[in-house]
Amino acid sequence: MAKIASVFRAIEKALARINLVVVVACGIFLFFFMFMVVSDVTGRYAFASPIPGTMEIGEIVLAFVVFPGWAAVLANNQHIRVLIVVDRLPPRWRPWMEMLTLVVGLAMMFPIAWYGFSFAMDSYMTKEIGFTYSIPRYPGKVAFFIGSTLFAIQFLIMFLRHLFSRLADQIPVIREQS
């Protein structure tokens, strides 16, 4: 059991590093997009020359800002929780309810990640572009695939951590006598 716990700790550390890189990248994308929007508005009203494609690029940037950050939010327990039902449950049922919500989250996110890959590949293969300007649309779909995949992995890791911690509480510890 200790070996399994150390493997999960190593996986969680790796995911935490990935989530940190993703969150920093999201912040950088958002900063550059804000700079682009300010430049677009300034160019539009001060010089009568807006930056072409700001809206199309904005759609892609927002996909990179929103979707990949899901896993980091879940890993750090910063998501919105509605505890109306959970607070009314007996304390011994609450961990099992938490595990049930993790299973439901995984069951929802795994197919979304799976199909997100095919949507991104289809967009890339067909060279899908924006309506107004010929800006490729597949990067936003790739961001959705990456975000939903990291989210599904985070659900799986959290579920397994909760499951093994519950099993460790249920299994009596046998101590050797010295």
N, C-alpha and C. Protein backbone atom coordinates (compact mmCIF):
# COMPACT_ATOMS: atom_id res chain seq x y z
N MET A 1 0.83 -1.20 0.00
CA MET A 1 0.00 0.00 0.00
C MET A 1 0.87 1.26 0.00
N ALA A 2 2.00 1.19 0.69
CA ALA A 2 2.90 2.34 0.74
C ALA A 2 3.50 2.63 -0.63
N LYS A 3 3.78 1.57 -1.39
CA LYS A 3 4.34 1.74 -2.73
C LYS A 3 3.31 2.42 -3.65
N ILE A 4 2.07 2.02 -3.54
CA ILE A 4 1.01 2.64 -4.34
C ILE A 4 0.86 4.10 -3.97
N ALA A 5 0.92 4.39 -2.67
CA ALA A 5 0.80 5.78 -2.22
C ALA A 5 1.95 6.63 -2.75
N SER A 6 3.16 6.08 -2.79
CA SER A 6 4.30 6.86 -3.30
C SER A 6 4.17 7.09 -4.80
N VAL A 7 3.62 6.13 -5.53
CA VAL A 7 3.39 6.32 -6.97
C VAL A 7 2.37 7.43 -7.19
N PHE A 8 1.29 7.42 -6.41
CA PHE A 8 0.28 8.47 -6.55
C PHE A 8 0.84 9.84 -6.18
N ARG A 9 1.67 9.88 -5.16
CA ARG A 9 2.30 11.18 -4.80
C ARG A 9 3.17 11.68 -5.94
N ALA A 10 3.91 10.78 -6.58
CA ALA A 10 4.76 11.18 -7.70
C ALA A 10 3.92 11.68 -8.88
N ILE A 11 2.82 10.98 -9.15
CA ILE A 11 1.93 11.41 -10.24
C ILE A 11 1.29 12.75 -9.91
N GLU A 12 0.86 12.92 -8.67
CA GLU A 12 0.25 14.20 -8.28
C GLU A 12 1.26 15.34 -8.34
N LYS A 13 2.51 15.07 -7.98
CA LYS A 13 3.55 16.11 -8.09
C LYS A 13 3.76 16.50 -9.55
N ALA A 14 3.80 15.50 -10.43
CA ALA A 14 3.98 15.79 -11.85
C ALA A 14 2.79 16.58 -12.39
N LEU A 15 1.58 16.19 -12.00
CA LEU A 15 0.39 16.93 -12.43
C LEU A 15 0.39 18.35 -11.87
N ALA A 16 0.86 18.51 -10.64
CA ALA A 16 0.92 19.85 -10.05
C ALA A 16 1.88 20.73 -10.84
N ARG A 17 3.01 20.17 -11.28
CA ARG A 17 3.95 20.94 -12.11
C ARG A 17 3.32 21.30 -13.45
N ILE A 18 2.65 20.33 -14.06
CA ILE A 18 1.98 20.59 -15.34
C ILE A 18 0.92 21.67 -15.16
N ASN A 19 0.14 21.55 -14.09
CA ASN A 19 -0.91 22.56 -13.84
C ASN A 19 -0.31 23.94 -13.62
N LEU A 20 0.82 24.01 -12.93
CA LEU A 20 1.47 25.31 -12.71
C LEU A 20 1.92 25.92 -14.04
N VAL A 21 2.53 25.11 -14.89
CA VAL A 21 2.95 25.60 -16.21
C VAL A 21 1.74 26.05 -17.02
N VAL A 22 0.67 25.28 -16.97
CA VAL A 22 -0.53 25.62 -17.72
C VAL A 22 -1.14 26.93 -17.21
N VAL A 23 -1.21 27.10 -15.90
CA VAL A 23 -1.79 28.32 -15.34
C VAL A 23 -0.94 29.54 -15.69
N VAL A 24 0.38 29.41 -15.62
CA VAL A 24 1.25 30.52 -16.00
C VAL A 24 1.09 30.84 -17.48
N ALA A 25 1.02 29.82 -18.32
CA ALA A 25 0.82 30.04 -19.76
C ALA A 25 -0.52 30.72 -20.01
N CYS A 26 -1.56 30.32 -19.28
CA CYS A 26 -2.87 30.96 -19.42
C CYS A 26 -2.79 32.44 -19.06
N GLY A 27 -2.07 32.75 -17.99
CA GLY A 27 -1.90 34.15 -17.59
C GLY A 27 -1.16 34.96 -18.64
N ILE A 28 -0.14 34.36 -19.23
CA ILE A 28 0.62 35.07 -20.28
C ILE A 28 -0.27 35.29 -21.50
N PHE A 29 -1.01 34.27 -21.90
CA PHE A 29 -1.94 34.44 -23.03
C PHE A 29 -2.94 35.55 -22.75
N LEU A 30 -3.48 35.56 -21.55
CA LEU A 30 -4.47 36.57 -21.19
C LEU A 30 -3.85 37.97 -21.21
N PHE A 31 -2.63 38.11 -20.71
CA PHE A 31 -1.96 39.41 -20.73
C PHE A 31 -1.78 39.90 -22.17
N PHE A 32 -1.28 39.05 -23.05
CA PHE A 32 -1.08 39.47 -24.43
C PHE A 32 -2.40 39.76 -25.14
N PHE A 33 -3.44 39.01 -24.80
CA PHE A 33 -4.74 39.30 -25.40
C PHE A 33 -5.27 40.64 -24.91
N MET A 34 -5.11 40.94 -23.63
CA MET A 34 -5.54 42.25 -23.13
C MET A 34 -4.78 43.37 -23.83
N PHE A 35 -3.48 43.19 -24.02
CA PHE A 35 -2.68 44.17 -24.75
C PHE A 35 -3.19 44.33 -26.17
N MET A 36 -3.55 43.22 -26.80
CA MET A 36 -4.06 43.26 -28.17
C MET A 36 -5.40 43.98 -28.24
N VAL A 37 -6.28 43.74 -27.30
CA VAL A 37 -7.59 44.40 -27.29
C VAL A 37 -7.43 45.91 -27.08
N VAL A 38 -6.57 46.29 -26.14
CA VAL A 38 -6.32 47.72 -25.92
C VAL A 38 -5.74 48.36 -27.17
N SER A 39 -4.82 47.67 -27.83
CA SER A 39 -4.24 48.19 -29.07
C SER A 39 -5.30 48.28 -30.17
N ASP A 40 -6.19 47.30 -30.22
CA ASP A 40 -7.26 47.31 -31.23
C ASP A 40 -8.21 48.49 -31.00
N VAL A 41 -8.62 48.69 -29.76
CA VAL A 41 -9.53 49.80 -29.45
C VAL A 41 -8.84 51.14 -29.70
N THR A 42 -7.59 51.24 -29.28
CA THR A 42 -6.84 52.48 -29.52
C THR A 42 -6.69 52.74 -31.01
N GLY A 43 -6.32 51.71 -31.75
CA GLY A 43 -6.19 51.85 -33.20
C GLY A 43 -7.50 52.20 -33.88
N ARG A 44 -8.58 51.62 -33.38
CA ARG A 44 -9.90 51.87 -33.98
C ARG A 44 -10.33 53.32 -33.77
N TYR A 45 -10.20 53.83 -32.56
CA TYR A 45 -10.74 55.16 -32.27
C TYR A 45 -9.72 56.29 -32.44
N ALA A 46 -8.45 56.02 -32.25
CA ALA A 46 -7.45 57.09 -32.37
C ALA A 46 -6.92 57.23 -33.80
N PHE A 47 -6.78 56.09 -34.48
CA PHE A 47 -6.17 56.13 -35.81
C PHE A 47 -7.07 55.62 -36.92
N ALA A 48 -8.30 55.23 -36.58
CA ALA A 48 -9.26 54.67 -37.54
C ALA A 48 -8.69 53.45 -38.27
N SER A 49 -7.86 52.69 -37.55
CA SER A 49 -7.25 51.50 -38.14
C SER A 49 -7.15 50.40 -37.09
N PRO A 50 -8.21 49.59 -36.94
CA PRO A 50 -8.18 48.52 -35.93
C PRO A 50 -7.25 47.39 -36.36
N ILE A 51 -6.91 46.55 -35.40
CA ILE A 51 -6.09 45.37 -35.68
C ILE A 51 -7.01 44.29 -36.24
N PRO A 52 -6.75 43.82 -37.45
CA PRO A 52 -7.63 42.80 -38.04
C PRO A 52 -7.50 41.46 -37.32
N GLY A 53 -8.62 40.80 -37.12
CA GLY A 53 -8.64 39.46 -36.54
C GLY A 53 -8.61 39.40 -35.03
N THR A 54 -8.83 40.53 -34.36
CA THR A 54 -8.77 40.52 -32.89
C THR A 54 -9.84 39.59 -32.30
N MET A 55 -11.03 39.61 -32.85
CA MET A 55 -12.10 38.75 -32.31
C MET A 55 -11.78 37.27 -32.51
N GLU A 56 -11.28 36.91 -33.69
CA GLU A 56 -10.96 35.51 -33.96
C GLU A 56 -9.81 35.03 -33.07
N ILE A 57 -8.80 35.86 -32.93
CA ILE A 57 -7.68 35.51 -32.05
C ILE A 57 -8.17 35.44 -30.60
N GLY A 58 -9.09 36.33 -30.25
CA GLY A 58 -9.66 36.33 -28.90
C GLY A 58 -10.37 35.03 -28.57
N GLU A 59 -11.09 34.46 -29.53
CA GLU A 59 -11.76 33.18 -29.29
C GLU A 59 -10.75 32.09 -28.97
N ILE A 60 -9.65 32.08 -29.70
CA ILE A 60 -8.62 31.06 -29.47
C ILE A 60 -7.94 31.28 -28.12
N VAL A 61 -7.61 32.54 -27.83
CA VAL A 61 -6.92 32.86 -26.57
C VAL A 61 -7.82 32.52 -25.38
N LEU A 62 -9.09 32.83 -25.48
CA LEU A 62 -9.99 32.51 -24.37
C LEU A 62 -10.12 31.01 -24.16
N ALA A 63 -10.06 30.25 -25.25
CA ALA A 63 -10.06 28.79 -25.10
C ALA A 63 -8.82 28.34 -24.34
N PHE A 64 -7.66 28.96 -24.62
CA PHE A 64 -6.43 28.62 -23.90
C PHE A 64 -6.45 29.10 -22.46
N VAL A 65 -7.21 30.15 -22.19
CA VAL A 65 -7.27 30.67 -20.83
C VAL A 65 -8.23 29.86 -19.97
N VAL A 66 -9.34 29.46 -20.53
CA VAL A 66 -10.39 28.81 -19.74
C VAL A 66 -10.16 27.30 -19.57
N PHE A 67 -10.04 26.56 -20.64
CA PHE A 67 -10.10 25.11 -20.55
C PHE A 67 -8.90 24.45 -19.85
N PRO A 68 -7.67 24.80 -20.17
CA PRO A 68 -6.56 24.12 -19.49
C PRO A 68 -6.48 24.39 -17.98
N GLY A 69 -7.10 25.43 -17.49
CA GLY A 69 -7.06 25.74 -16.07
C GLY A 69 -7.99 24.92 -15.21
N TRP A 70 -8.87 24.16 -15.81
CA TRP A 70 -9.84 23.37 -15.04
C TRP A 70 -9.15 22.42 -14.06
N ALA A 71 -8.15 21.72 -14.52
CA ALA A 71 -7.49 20.72 -13.66
C ALA A 71 -6.81 21.39 -12.46
N ALA A 72 -6.21 22.54 -12.68
CA ALA A 72 -5.56 23.24 -11.57
C ALA A 72 -6.58 23.69 -10.54
N VAL A 73 -7.72 24.13 -11.00
CA VAL A 73 -8.78 24.55 -10.08
C VAL A 73 -9.26 23.36 -9.25
N LEU A 74 -9.46 22.23 -9.89
CA LEU A 74 -9.90 21.03 -9.17
C LEU A 74 -8.82 20.54 -8.20
N ALA A 75 -7.58 20.53 -8.64
CA ALA A 75 -6.50 20.03 -7.79
C ALA A 75 -6.31 20.88 -6.54
N ASN A 76 -6.56 22.17 -6.65
CA ASN A 76 -6.37 23.08 -5.51
C ASN A 76 -7.66 23.32 -4.73
N ASN A 77 -8.71 22.58 -5.06
CA ASN A 77 -10.01 22.71 -4.38
C ASN A 77 -10.54 24.15 -4.41
N GLN A 78 -10.38 24.82 -5.52
CA GLN A 78 -10.82 26.20 -5.66
C GLN A 78 -12.11 26.31 -6.46
N HIS A 79 -12.73 25.20 -6.74
CA HIS A 79 -13.96 25.21 -7.51
C HIS A 79 -15.16 25.55 -6.60
N ILE A 80 -16.25 25.88 -7.22
CA ILE A 80 -17.47 26.21 -6.48
C ILE A 80 -18.10 24.91 -5.99
N ARG A 81 -18.38 24.87 -4.72
CA ARG A 81 -18.99 23.67 -4.13
C ARG A 81 -20.33 24.05 -3.51
N VAL A 82 -21.34 23.28 -3.83
CA VAL A 82 -22.65 23.46 -3.24
C VAL A 82 -22.82 22.33 -2.23
N LEU A 83 -22.87 22.69 -0.97
CA LEU A 83 -22.83 21.69 0.10
C LEU A 83 -24.17 21.49 0.80
N ILE A 84 -25.25 21.86 0.14
CA ILE A 84 -26.57 21.73 0.76
C ILE A 84 -26.87 20.28 1.12
N VAL A 85 -26.60 19.37 0.20
CA VAL A 85 -26.88 17.96 0.45
C VAL A 85 -25.79 17.34 1.32
N VAL A 86 -24.54 17.62 1.01
CA VAL A 86 -23.42 16.99 1.71
C VAL A 86 -23.42 17.35 3.19
N ASP A 87 -23.74 18.59 3.53
CA ASP A 87 -23.75 18.99 4.94
C ASP A 87 -24.83 18.29 5.75
N ARG A 88 -25.84 17.79 5.10
CA ARG A 88 -26.93 17.12 5.80
C ARG A 88 -26.72 15.61 5.92
N LEU A 89 -25.68 15.11 5.28
CA LEU A 89 -25.38 13.68 5.36
C LEU A 89 -24.64 13.36 6.65
N PRO A 90 -24.75 12.13 7.12
CA PRO A 90 -23.93 11.72 8.27
C PRO A 90 -22.44 11.82 7.90
N PRO A 91 -21.60 12.16 8.85
CA PRO A 91 -20.17 12.36 8.56
C PRO A 91 -19.49 11.15 7.90
N ARG A 92 -19.92 9.94 8.23
CA ARG A 92 -19.26 8.78 7.63
C ARG A 92 -19.65 8.58 6.17
N TRP A 93 -20.72 9.21 5.69
CA TRP A 93 -21.15 9.10 4.29
C TRP A 93 -20.46 10.14 3.40
N ARG A 94 -19.98 11.21 3.98
CA ARG A 94 -19.43 12.33 3.19
C ARG A 94 -18.25 11.93 2.31
N PRO A 95 -17.29 11.16 2.80
CA PRO A 95 -16.20 10.75 1.90
C PRO A 95 -16.69 9.93 0.71
N TRP A 96 -17.71 9.10 0.95
CA TRP A 96 -18.25 8.29 -0.14
C TRP A 96 -19.00 9.17 -1.15
N MET A 97 -19.65 10.22 -0.67
CA MET A 97 -20.32 11.15 -1.58
C MET A 97 -19.27 11.89 -2.42
N GLU A 98 -18.16 12.24 -1.79
CA GLU A 98 -17.06 12.89 -2.52
C GLU A 98 -16.54 11.97 -3.62
N MET A 99 -16.39 10.69 -3.29
CA MET A 99 -15.93 9.73 -4.30
C MET A 99 -16.94 9.57 -5.42
N LEU A 100 -18.23 9.59 -5.07
CA LEU A 100 -19.26 9.49 -6.10
C LEU A 100 -19.21 10.68 -7.06
N THR A 101 -19.01 11.88 -6.51
CA THR A 101 -18.93 13.05 -7.38
C THR A 101 -17.68 12.99 -8.26
N LEU A 102 -16.59 12.44 -7.75
CA LEU A 102 -15.39 12.29 -8.57
C LEU A 102 -15.61 11.27 -9.69
N VAL A 103 -16.33 10.19 -9.40
CA VAL A 103 -16.63 9.19 -10.43
C VAL A 103 -17.53 9.80 -11.50
N VAL A 104 -18.54 10.55 -11.08
CA VAL A 104 -19.44 11.19 -12.05
C VAL A 104 -18.67 12.20 -12.90
N GLY A 105 -17.80 12.99 -12.27
CA GLY A 105 -16.98 13.94 -13.02
C GLY A 105 -16.09 13.24 -14.03
N LEU A 106 -15.47 12.14 -13.63
CA LEU A 106 -14.62 11.38 -14.55
C LEU A 106 -15.45 10.78 -15.68
N ALA A 107 -16.62 10.24 -15.33
CA ALA A 107 -17.48 9.65 -16.35
C ALA A 107 -17.96 10.68 -17.36
N MET A 108 -18.08 11.93 -16.95
CA MET A 108 -18.49 12.98 -17.88
C MET A 108 -17.30 13.51 -18.68
N MET A 109 -16.14 13.65 -18.05
CA MET A 109 -15.01 14.30 -18.72
C MET A 109 -14.24 13.37 -19.65
N PHE A 110 -14.20 12.09 -19.37
CA PHE A 110 -13.46 11.20 -20.24
C PHE A 110 -14.01 11.18 -21.66
N PRO A 111 -15.33 11.02 -21.86
CA PRO A 111 -15.83 11.06 -23.24
C PRO A 111 -15.66 12.44 -23.89
N ILE A 112 -15.77 13.49 -23.09
CA ILE A 112 -15.58 14.83 -23.64
C ILE A 112 -14.15 14.98 -24.13
N ALA A 113 -13.18 14.51 -23.35
CA ALA A 113 -11.78 14.58 -23.78
C ALA A 113 -11.55 13.71 -25.02
N TRP A 114 -12.14 12.53 -25.01
CA TRP A 114 -11.98 11.60 -26.15
C TRP A 114 -12.49 12.24 -27.44
N TYR A 115 -13.68 12.80 -27.40
CA TYR A 115 -14.24 13.43 -28.60
C TYR A 115 -13.59 14.77 -28.89
N GLY A 116 -13.07 15.44 -27.87
CA GLY A 116 -12.33 16.69 -28.10
C GLY A 116 -11.12 16.47 -28.98
N PHE A 117 -10.47 15.32 -28.82
CA PHE A 117 -9.33 15.00 -29.68
C PHE A 117 -9.77 14.87 -31.13
N SER A 118 -10.87 14.17 -31.37
CA SER A 118 -11.32 13.99 -32.76
C SER A 118 -11.77 15.33 -33.36
N PHE A 119 -12.40 16.19 -32.56
CA PHE A 119 -12.80 17.51 -33.07
C PHE A 119 -11.58 18.34 -33.43
N ALA A 120 -10.55 18.30 -32.60
CA ALA A 120 -9.33 19.06 -32.88
C ALA A 120 -8.63 18.51 -34.13
N MET A 121 -8.56 17.20 -34.25
CA MET A 121 -7.92 16.60 -35.43
C MET A 121 -8.71 16.90 -36.70
N ASP A 122 -10.04 16.82 -36.62
CA ASP A 122 -10.86 17.15 -37.80
C ASP A 122 -10.65 18.60 -38.22
N SER A 123 -10.58 19.48 -37.24
CA SER A 123 -10.37 20.90 -37.53
C SER A 123 -9.00 21.12 -38.17
N TYR A 124 -8.00 20.42 -37.68
CA TYR A 124 -6.66 20.55 -38.22
C TYR A 124 -6.58 19.96 -39.64
N MET A 125 -7.16 18.79 -39.83
CA MET A 125 -7.08 18.11 -41.13
C MET A 125 -7.85 18.86 -42.22
N THR A 126 -8.97 19.46 -41.85
CA THR A 126 -9.76 20.19 -42.85
C THR A 126 -9.31 21.64 -43.01
N LYS A 127 -8.28 22.02 -42.25
CA LYS A 127 -7.76 23.40 -42.30
C LYS A 127 -8.86 24.42 -42.03
N GLU A 128 -9.63 24.17 -40.98
CA GLU A 128 -10.74 25.05 -40.61
C GLU A 128 -10.20 26.43 -40.23
N ILE A 129 -10.83 27.47 -40.79
CA ILE A 129 -10.39 28.84 -40.53
C ILE A 129 -11.57 29.68 -40.07
N GLY A 130 -11.27 30.88 -39.55
CA GLY A 130 -12.31 31.79 -39.09
C GLY A 130 -13.18 32.30 -40.22
N PHE A 131 -14.30 32.90 -39.87
CA PHE A 131 -15.24 33.38 -40.89
C PHE A 131 -14.76 34.66 -41.55
N THR A 132 -14.23 35.57 -40.78
CA THR A 132 -13.85 36.87 -41.32
C THR A 132 -12.43 36.88 -41.85
N TYR A 133 -11.50 36.35 -41.07
CA TYR A 133 -10.09 36.29 -41.46
C TYR A 133 -9.65 34.85 -41.48
N SER A 134 -8.63 34.55 -42.25
CA SER A 134 -8.20 33.16 -42.36
C SER A 134 -7.25 32.78 -41.23
N ILE A 135 -7.77 32.84 -40.02
CA ILE A 135 -7.03 32.43 -38.83
C ILE A 135 -7.47 31.00 -38.49
N PRO A 136 -6.52 30.08 -38.34
CA PRO A 136 -6.91 28.69 -38.06
C PRO A 136 -7.67 28.57 -36.74
N ARG A 137 -8.65 27.68 -36.73
CA ARG A 137 -9.49 27.50 -35.54
C ARG A 137 -9.06 26.31 -34.69
N TYR A 138 -8.21 25.45 -35.22
CA TYR A 138 -7.85 24.25 -34.47
C TYR A 138 -7.09 24.52 -33.17
N PRO A 139 -6.30 25.59 -33.02
CA PRO A 139 -5.63 25.77 -31.72
C PRO A 139 -6.60 25.87 -30.54
N GLY A 140 -7.74 26.51 -30.72
CA GLY A 140 -8.74 26.57 -29.66
C GLY A 140 -9.30 25.21 -29.32
N LYS A 141 -9.48 24.39 -30.35
CA LYS A 141 -9.99 23.04 -30.11
C LYS A 141 -8.93 22.16 -29.46
N VAL A 142 -7.67 22.39 -29.79
CA VAL A 142 -6.59 21.67 -29.12
C VAL A 142 -6.53 22.07 -27.64
N ALA A 143 -6.74 23.35 -27.36
CA ALA A 143 -6.77 23.82 -25.97
C ALA A 143 -7.91 23.14 -25.21
N PHE A 144 -9.06 22.99 -25.86
CA PHE A 144 -10.18 22.29 -25.21
C PHE A 144 -9.82 20.84 -24.93
N PHE A 145 -9.19 20.18 -25.89
CA PHE A 145 -8.78 18.79 -25.70
C PHE A 145 -7.78 18.66 -24.56
N ILE A 146 -6.77 19.52 -24.53
CA ILE A 146 -5.76 19.48 -23.47
C ILE A 146 -6.40 19.71 -22.10
N GLY A 147 -7.26 20.73 -22.03
CA GLY A 147 -7.91 21.04 -20.76
C GLY A 147 -8.81 19.93 -20.26
N SER A 148 -9.62 19.38 -21.15
CA SER A 148 -10.53 18.31 -20.70
C SER A 148 -9.77 17.03 -20.37
N THR A 149 -8.66 16.77 -21.05
CA THR A 149 -7.85 15.60 -20.73
C THR A 149 -7.19 15.75 -19.36
N LEU A 150 -6.59 16.92 -19.12
CA LEU A 150 -5.99 17.15 -17.80
C LEU A 150 -7.05 17.09 -16.69
N PHE A 151 -8.23 17.60 -16.99
CA PHE A 151 -9.34 17.57 -16.03
C PHE A 151 -9.75 16.13 -15.71
N ALA A 152 -9.88 15.30 -16.76
CA ALA A 152 -10.25 13.90 -16.55
C ALA A 152 -9.17 13.17 -15.76
N ILE A 153 -7.90 13.43 -16.06
CA ILE A 153 -6.81 12.80 -15.32
C ILE A 153 -6.84 13.23 -13.86
N GLN A 154 -7.12 14.51 -13.63
CA GLN A 154 -7.18 15.00 -12.24
C GLN A 154 -8.33 14.34 -11.48
N PHE A 155 -9.48 14.16 -12.14
CA PHE A 155 -10.60 13.44 -11.52
C PHE A 155 -10.18 12.02 -11.16
N LEU A 156 -9.50 11.34 -12.08
CA LEU A 156 -9.08 9.96 -11.83
C LEU A 156 -8.10 9.88 -10.66
N ILE A 157 -7.11 10.76 -10.65
CA ILE A 157 -6.11 10.75 -9.57
C ILE A 157 -6.78 11.04 -8.22
N MET A 158 -7.66 12.02 -8.18
CA MET A 158 -8.33 12.35 -6.92
C MET A 158 -9.23 11.20 -6.47
N PHE A 159 -9.91 10.56 -7.41
CA PHE A 159 -10.75 9.42 -7.04
C PHE A 159 -9.90 8.29 -6.46
N LEU A 160 -8.80 7.97 -7.13
CA LEU A 160 -7.96 6.88 -6.63
C LEU A 160 -7.35 7.22 -5.28
N ARG A 161 -6.97 8.49 -5.09
CA ARG A 161 -6.43 8.90 -3.78
C ARG A 161 -7.49 8.72 -2.70
N HIS A 162 -8.73 9.17 -2.97
CA HIS A 162 -9.81 9.02 -1.98
C HIS A 162 -10.11 7.54 -1.73
N LEU A 163 -10.13 6.75 -2.80
CA LEU A 163 -10.43 5.33 -2.67
C LEU A 163 -9.38 4.63 -1.80
N PHE A 164 -8.11 4.86 -2.10
CA PHE A 164 -7.06 4.19 -1.32
C PHE A 164 -6.99 4.71 0.11
N SER A 165 -7.31 5.97 0.31
CA SER A 165 -7.32 6.46 1.70
C SER A 165 -8.49 5.84 2.47
N ARG A 166 -9.63 5.64 1.80
CA ARG A 166 -10.76 4.98 2.47
C ARG A 166 -10.43 3.52 2.74
N LEU A 167 -9.79 2.85 1.78
CA LEU A 167 -9.43 1.45 1.99
C LEU A 167 -8.38 1.31 3.09
N ALA A 168 -7.46 2.26 3.17
CA ALA A 168 -6.45 2.20 4.23
C ALA A 168 -7.09 2.37 5.59
N ASP A 169 -8.17 3.16 5.67
CA ASP A 169 -8.89 3.31 6.94
C ASP A 169 -9.64 2.03 7.30
N GLN A 170 -10.07 1.27 6.29
CA GLN A 170 -10.87 0.08 6.52
C GLN A 170 -10.01 -1.15 6.82
N ILE A 171 -8.79 -1.17 6.28
CA ILE A 171 -7.93 -2.33 6.45
C ILE A 171 -7.14 -2.18 7.75
N PRO A 172 -7.20 -3.17 8.63
CA PRO A 172 -6.44 -3.05 9.87
C PRO A 172 -4.93 -3.13 9.59
N VAL A 173 -4.19 -2.33 10.30
CA VAL A 173 -2.74 -2.30 10.14
C VAL A 173 -2.14 -3.40 11.02
N ILE A 174 -1.34 -4.26 10.41
CA ILE A 174 -0.70 -5.35 11.13
C ILE A 174 0.73 -4.90 11.42
N ARG A 175 1.04 -4.81 12.67
CA ARG A 175 2.38 -4.36 13.07
C ARG A 175 3.20 -5.57 13.50
N GLU A 176 4.44 -5.55 13.05
CA GLU A 176 5.35 -6.63 13.46
C GLU A 176 5.88 -6.34 14.85
N GLN A 177 6.03 -7.39 15.61
CA GLN A 177 6.60 -7.23 16.95
C GLN A 177 8.11 -7.35 16.85
N SER A 178 8.78 -6.48 17.56
CA SER A 178 10.25 -6.54 17.50
C SER A 178 10.84 -7.20 18.70
